Amino acid sequence: MEPFLHALAAARQDELLAAAVRNPPRTPARQRLGWWLMELGLRLATPKRREGLLEGI
């Protein structure tokens, strides 16, 4: 590969890496909503008393 192209590719890779560090990818809204609903369901399903979940079996 030509030295100029190699330098250009290295510079572009550094740009992309810096942009990825500045702006990490966000999780999709549907995934965040599902996670929130799962957390809420787990909180509501967990007994309020300090018993373990398996003690009633």
PDB file of N, CA and C in Angstrom:
ATOM      1  N   MET A   1       0.852  -1.182   0.000  1.00  0.00           N
ATOM      2  CA  MET A   1       0.000   0.000   0.000  1.00  0.00           C
ATOM      3  C   MET A   1       0.896   1.242   0.000  1.00  0.00           C
ATOM      4  N   GLU A   2       0.459   2.254  -0.672  1.00  0.00           N
ATOM      5  CA  GLU A   2       1.233   3.489  -0.744  1.00  0.00           C
ATOM      6  C   GLU A   2       1.350   4.119   0.636  1.00  0.00           C
ATOM      7  N   PRO A   3       2.486   4.738   0.941  1.00  0.00           N
ATOM      8  CA  PRO A   3       2.636   5.370   2.267  1.00  0.00           C
ATOM      9  C   PRO A   3       1.573   6.436   2.527  1.00  0.00           C
ATOM     10  N   PHE A   4       1.190   7.187   1.480  1.00  0.00           N
ATOM     11  CA  PHE A   4       0.180   8.227   1.666  1.00  0.00           C
ATOM     12  C   PHE A   4      -1.160   7.614   2.086  1.00  0.00           C
ATOM     13  N   LEU A   5      -1.544   6.521   1.408  1.00  0.00           N
ATOM     14  CA  LEU A   5      -2.812   5.873   1.756  1.00  0.00           C
ATOM     15  C   LEU A   5      -2.766   5.287   3.158  1.00  0.00           C
ATOM     16  N   HIS A   6      -1.603   4.755   3.518  1.00  0.00           N
ATOM     17  CA  HIS A   6      -1.452   4.180   4.856  1.00  0.00           C
ATOM     18  C   HIS A   6      -1.621   5.271   5.922  1.00  0.00           C
ATOM     19  N   ALA A   7      -1.000   6.432   5.690  1.00  0.00           N
ATOM     20  CA  ALA A   7      -1.120   7.546   6.639  1.00  0.00           C
ATOM     21  C   ALA A   7      -2.557   8.055   6.693  1.00  0.00           C
ATOM     22  N   LEU A   8      -3.212   8.113   5.539  1.00  0.00           N
ATOM     23  CA  LEU A   8      -4.596   8.573   5.497  1.00  0.00           C
ATOM     24  C   LEU A   8      -5.516   7.611   6.257  1.00  0.00           C
ATOM     25  N   ALA A   9      -5.306   6.312   6.063  1.00  0.00           N
ATOM     26  CA  ALA A   9      -6.127   5.318   6.760  1.00  0.00           C
ATOM     27  C   ALA A   9      -5.892   5.373   8.262  1.00  0.00           C
ATOM     28  N   ALA A  10      -4.643   5.568   8.677  1.00  0.00           N
ATOM     29  CA  ALA A  10      -4.337   5.653  10.110  1.00  0.00           C
ATOM     30  C   ALA A  10      -4.987   6.889  10.725  1.00  0.00           C
ATOM     31  N   ALA A  11      -4.947   8.012  10.010  1.00  0.00           N
ATOM     32  CA  ALA A  11      -5.567   9.237  10.525  1.00  0.00           C
ATOM     33  C   ALA A  11      -7.078   9.063  10.643  1.00  0.00           C
ATOM     34  N   ARG A  12      -7.679   8.430   9.647  1.00  0.00           N
ATOM     35  CA  ARG A  12      -9.134   8.213   9.681  1.00  0.00           C
ATOM     36  C   ARG A  12      -9.516   7.285  10.832  1.00  0.00           C
ATOM     37  N   GLN A  13      -8.691   6.260  11.058  1.00  0.00           N
ATOM     38  CA  GLN A  13      -8.973   5.337  12.155  1.00  0.00           C
ATOM     39  C   GLN A  13      -8.884   6.067  13.493  1.00  0.00           C
ATOM     40  N   ASP A  14      -7.889   6.957  13.639  1.00  0.00           N
ATOM     41  CA  ASP A  14      -7.774   7.740  14.869  1.00  0.00           C
ATOM     42  C   ASP A  14      -8.989   8.645  15.058  1.00  0.00           C
ATOM     43  N   GLU A  15      -9.466   9.251  13.969  1.00  0.00           N
ATOM     44  CA  GLU A  15     -10.674  10.090  14.051  1.00  0.00           C
ATOM     45  C   GLU A  15     -11.872   9.278  14.522  1.00  0.00           C
ATOM     46  N   LEU A  16     -12.043   8.106  13.925  1.00  0.00           N
ATOM     47  CA  LEU A  16     -13.194   7.273  14.285  1.00  0.00           C
ATOM     48  C   LEU A  16     -13.105   6.802  15.729  1.00  0.00           C
ATOM     49  N   LEU A  17     -11.901   6.466  16.166  1.00  0.00           N
ATOM     50  CA  LEU A  17     -11.715   6.016  17.545  1.00  0.00           C
ATOM     51  C   LEU A  17     -12.026   7.144  18.523  1.00  0.00           C
ATOM     52  N   ALA A  18     -11.560   8.359  18.213  1.00  0.00           N
ATOM     53  CA  ALA A  18     -11.835   9.507  19.080  1.00  0.00           C
ATOM     54  C   ALA A  18     -13.334   9.798  19.127  1.00  0.00           C
ATOM     55  N   ALA A  19     -14.015   9.687  17.995  1.00  0.00           N
ATOM     56  CA  ALA A  19     -15.462   9.929  17.965  1.00  0.00           C
ATOM     57  C   ALA A  19     -16.204   8.862  18.763  1.00  0.00           C
ATOM     58  N   ALA A  20     -15.728   7.627  18.702  1.00  0.00           N
ATOM     59  CA  ALA A  20     -16.388   6.551  19.447  1.00  0.00           C
ATOM     60  C   ALA A  20     -16.206   6.729  20.944  1.00  0.00           C
ATOM     61  N   VAL A  21     -15.052   7.256  21.358  1.00  0.00           N
ATOM     62  CA  VAL A  21     -14.820   7.491  22.783  1.00  0.00           C
ATOM     63  C   VAL A  21     -15.686   8.650  23.266  1.00  0.00           C
ATOM     64  N   ARG A  22     -15.817   9.694  22.426  1.00  0.00           N
ATOM     65  CA  ARG A  22     -16.643  10.854  22.803  1.00  0.00           C
ATOM     66  C   ARG A  22     -18.119  10.508  22.857  1.00  0.00           C
ATOM     67  N   ASN A  23     -18.600   9.751  21.897  1.00  0.00           N
ATOM     68  CA  ASN A  23     -20.031   9.440  21.795  1.00  0.00           C
ATOM     69  C   ASN A  23     -20.235   7.930  21.792  1.00  0.00           C
ATOM     70  N   PRO A  24     -20.276   7.308  22.973  1.00  0.00           N
ATOM     71  CA  PRO A  24     -20.513   5.863  22.976  1.00  0.00           C
ATOM     72  C   PRO A  24     -21.924   5.561  22.469  1.00  0.00           C
ATOM     73  N   PRO A  25     -22.134   4.404  21.867  1.00  0.00           N
ATOM     74  CA  PRO A  25     -23.459   4.094  21.318  1.00  0.00           C
ATOM     75  C   PRO A  25     -24.500   3.968  22.427  1.00  0.00           C
ATOM     76  N   ARG A  26     -25.690   4.513  22.181  1.00  0.00           N
ATOM     77  CA  ARG A  26     -26.787   4.410  23.150  1.00  0.00           C
ATOM     78  C   ARG A  26     -27.566   3.141  22.884  1.00  0.00           C
ATOM     79  N   THR A  27     -28.116   2.600  23.953  1.00  0.00           N
ATOM     80  CA  THR A  27     -28.978   1.443  23.755  1.00  0.00           C
ATOM     81  C   THR A  27     -30.283   1.925  23.140  1.00  0.00           C
ATOM     82  N   PRO A  28     -30.896   1.144  22.287  1.00  0.00           N
ATOM     83  CA  PRO A  28     -32.159   1.552  21.667  1.00  0.00           C
ATOM     84  C   PRO A  28     -33.244   1.788  22.718  1.00  0.00           C
ATOM     85  N   ALA A  29     -34.173   2.686  22.397  1.00  0.00           N
ATOM     86  CA  ALA A  29     -35.226   3.065  23.348  1.00  0.00           C
ATOM     87  C   ALA A  29     -36.075   1.865  23.744  1.00  0.00           C
ATOM     88  N   ARG A  30     -36.359   0.984  22.791  1.00  0.00           N
ATOM     89  CA  ARG A  30     -37.186  -0.180  23.105  1.00  0.00           C
ATOM     90  C   ARG A  30     -36.483  -1.089  24.114  1.00  0.00           C
ATOM     91  N   GLN A  31     -35.154  -1.216  23.973  1.00  0.00           N
ATOM     92  CA  GLN A  31     -34.399  -2.051  24.908  1.00  0.00           C
ATOM     93  C   GLN A  31     -34.393  -1.418  26.300  1.00  0.00           C
ATOM     94  N   ARG A  32     -34.230  -0.076  26.358  1.00  0.00           N
ATOM     95  CA  ARG A  32     -34.254   0.601  27.659  1.00  0.00           C
ATOM     96  C   ARG A  32     -35.614   0.460  28.320  1.00  0.00           C
ATOM     97  N   LEU A  33     -36.694   0.576  27.526  1.00  0.00           N
ATOM     98  CA  LEU A  33     -38.042   0.438  28.074  1.00  0.00           C
ATOM     99  C   LEU A  33     -38.258  -0.978  28.606  1.00  0.00           C
ATOM    100  N   GLY A  34     -37.812  -1.975  27.853  1.00  0.00           N
ATOM    101  CA  GLY A  34     -37.958  -3.358  28.306  1.00  0.00           C
ATOM    102  C   GLY A  34     -37.197  -3.610  29.595  1.00  0.00           C
ATOM    103  N   TRP A  35     -35.998  -3.051  29.693  1.00  0.00           N
ATOM    104  CA  TRP A  35     -35.195  -3.222  30.908  1.00  0.00           C
ATOM    105  C   TRP A  35     -35.902  -2.569  32.096  1.00  0.00           C
ATOM    106  N   TRP A  36     -36.454  -1.366  31.872  1.00  0.00           N
ATOM    107  CA  TRP A  36     -37.140  -0.658  32.946  1.00  0.00           C
ATOM    108  C   TRP A  36     -38.365  -1.445  33.410  1.00  0.00           C
ATOM    109  N   LEU A  37     -39.149  -1.980  32.457  1.00  0.00           N
ATOM    110  CA  LEU A  37     -40.331  -2.761  32.823  1.00  0.00           C
ATOM    111  C   LEU A  37     -39.945  -4.035  33.568  1.00  0.00           C
ATOM    112  N   MET A  38     -38.848  -4.667  33.155  1.00  0.00           N
ATOM    113  CA  MET A  38     -38.400  -5.873  33.847  1.00  0.00           C
ATOM    114  C   MET A  38     -37.985  -5.539  35.281  1.00  0.00           C
ATOM    115  N   GLU A  39     -37.261  -4.432  35.456  1.00  0.00           N
ATOM    116  CA  GLU A  39     -36.859  -4.015  36.800  1.00  0.00           C
ATOM    117  C   GLU A  39     -38.089  -3.747  37.672  1.00  0.00           C
ATOM    118  N   LEU A  40     -39.077  -3.051  37.101  1.00  0.00           N
ATOM    119  CA  LEU A  40     -40.287  -2.750  37.848  1.00  0.00           C
ATOM    120  C   LEU A  40     -41.014  -4.036  38.234  1.00  0.00           C
ATOM    121  N   GLY A  41     -41.123  -4.964  37.293  1.00  0.00           N
ATOM    122  CA  GLY A  41     -41.784  -6.231  37.586  1.00  0.00           C
ATOM    123  C   GLY A  41     -41.067  -7.014  38.665  1.00  0.00           C
ATOM    124  N   LEU A  42     -39.744  -7.012  38.622  1.00  0.00           N
ATOM    125  CA  LEU A  42     -38.987  -7.728  39.653  1.00  0.00           C
ATOM    126  C   LEU A  42     -39.169  -7.080  41.017  1.00  0.00           C
ATOM    127  N   ARG A  43     -39.205  -5.750  41.041  1.00  0.00           N
ATOM    128  CA  ARG A  43     -39.414  -5.072  42.327  1.00  0.00           C
ATOM    129  C   ARG A  43     -40.803  -5.372  42.893  1.00  0.00           C
ATOM    130  N   LEU A  44     -41.806  -5.398  42.019  1.00  0.00           N
ATOM    131  CA  LEU A  44     -43.160  -5.668  42.499  1.00  0.00           C
ATOM    132  C   LEU A  44     -43.327  -7.129  42.909  1.00  0.00           C
ATOM    133  N   ALA A  45     -42.597  -8.037  42.261  1.00  0.00           N
ATOM    134  CA  ALA A  45     -42.747  -9.454  42.559  1.00  0.00           C
ATOM    135  C   ALA A  45     -41.937  -9.882  43.777  1.00  0.00           C
ATOM    136  N   THR A  46     -40.985  -9.077  44.194  1.00  0.00           N
ATOM    137  CA  THR A  46     -40.139  -9.440  45.328  1.00  0.00           C
ATOM    138  C   THR A  46     -40.912  -9.179  46.618  1.00  0.00           C
ATOM    139  N   PRO A  47     -40.935 -10.151  47.525  1.00  0.00           N
ATOM    140  CA  PRO A  47     -41.654  -9.932  48.789  1.00  0.00           C
ATOM    141  C   PRO A  47     -41.010  -8.815  49.605  1.00  0.00           C
ATOM    142  N   LYS A  48     -41.848  -8.065  50.325  1.00  0.00           N
ATOM    143  CA  LYS A  48     -41.338  -6.936  51.101  1.00  0.00           C
ATOM    144  C   LYS A  48     -40.705  -7.395  52.416  1.00  0.00           C
ATOM    145  N   ARG A  49     -41.173  -8.535  52.903  1.00  0.00           N
ATOM    146  CA  ARG A  49     -40.566  -9.046  54.128  1.00  0.00           C
ATOM    147  C   ARG A  49     -39.197  -9.612  53.802  1.00  0.00           C
ATOM    148  N   ARG A  50     -38.370  -9.776  54.810  1.00  0.00           N
ATOM    149  CA  ARG A  50     -36.986 -10.179  54.592  1.00  0.00           C
ATOM    150  C   ARG A  50     -36.821 -11.688  54.452  1.00  0.00           C
ATOM    151  N   GLU A  51     -37.862 -12.376  54.011  1.00  0.00           N
ATOM    152  CA  GLU A  51     -37.736 -13.811  53.772  1.00  0.00           C
ATOM    153  C   GLU A  51     -37.061 -14.031  52.433  1.00  0.00           C
ATOM    154  N   GLY A  52     -36.442 -15.178  52.295  1.00  0.00           N
ATOM    155  CA  GLY A  52     -35.918 -15.530  50.993  1.00  0.00           C
ATOM    156  C   GLY A  52     -37.059 -15.955  50.080  1.00  0.00           C
ATOM    157  N   LEU A  53     -36.824 -15.954  48.794  1.00  0.00           N
ATOM    158  CA  LEU A  53     -37.872 -16.319  47.848  1.00  0.00           C
ATOM    159  C   LEU A  53     -38.235 -17.793  47.942  1.00  0.00           C
ATOM    160  N   LEU A  54     -37.286 -18.634  48.361  1.00  0.00           N
ATOM    161  CA  LEU A  54     -37.525 -20.078  48.357  1.00  0.00           C
ATOM    162  C   LEU A  54     -38.029 -20.607  49.700  1.00  0.00           C
ATOM    163  N   GLU A  55     -38.210 -19.744  50.701  1.00  0.00           N
ATOM    164  CA  GLU A  55     -38.621 -20.241  52.015  1.00  0.00           C
ATOM    165  C   GLU A  55     -40.057 -20.729  52.035  1.00  0.00           C
ATOM    166  N   GLY A  56     -40.894 -20.218  51.150  1.00  0.00           N
ATOM    167  CA  GLY A  56     -42.292 -20.627  51.152  1.00  0.00           C
ATOM    168  C   GLY A  56     -42.527 -21.975  50.503  1.00  0.00           C
ATOM    169  N   ILE A  57     -41.516 -22.529  49.868  1.00  0.00           N
ATOM    170  CA  ILE A  57     -41.701 -23.805  49.164  1.00  0.00           C
ATOM    171  C   ILE A  57     -41.597 -24.957  50.139  1.00  0.00           C
TER     172      ILE A  57
END
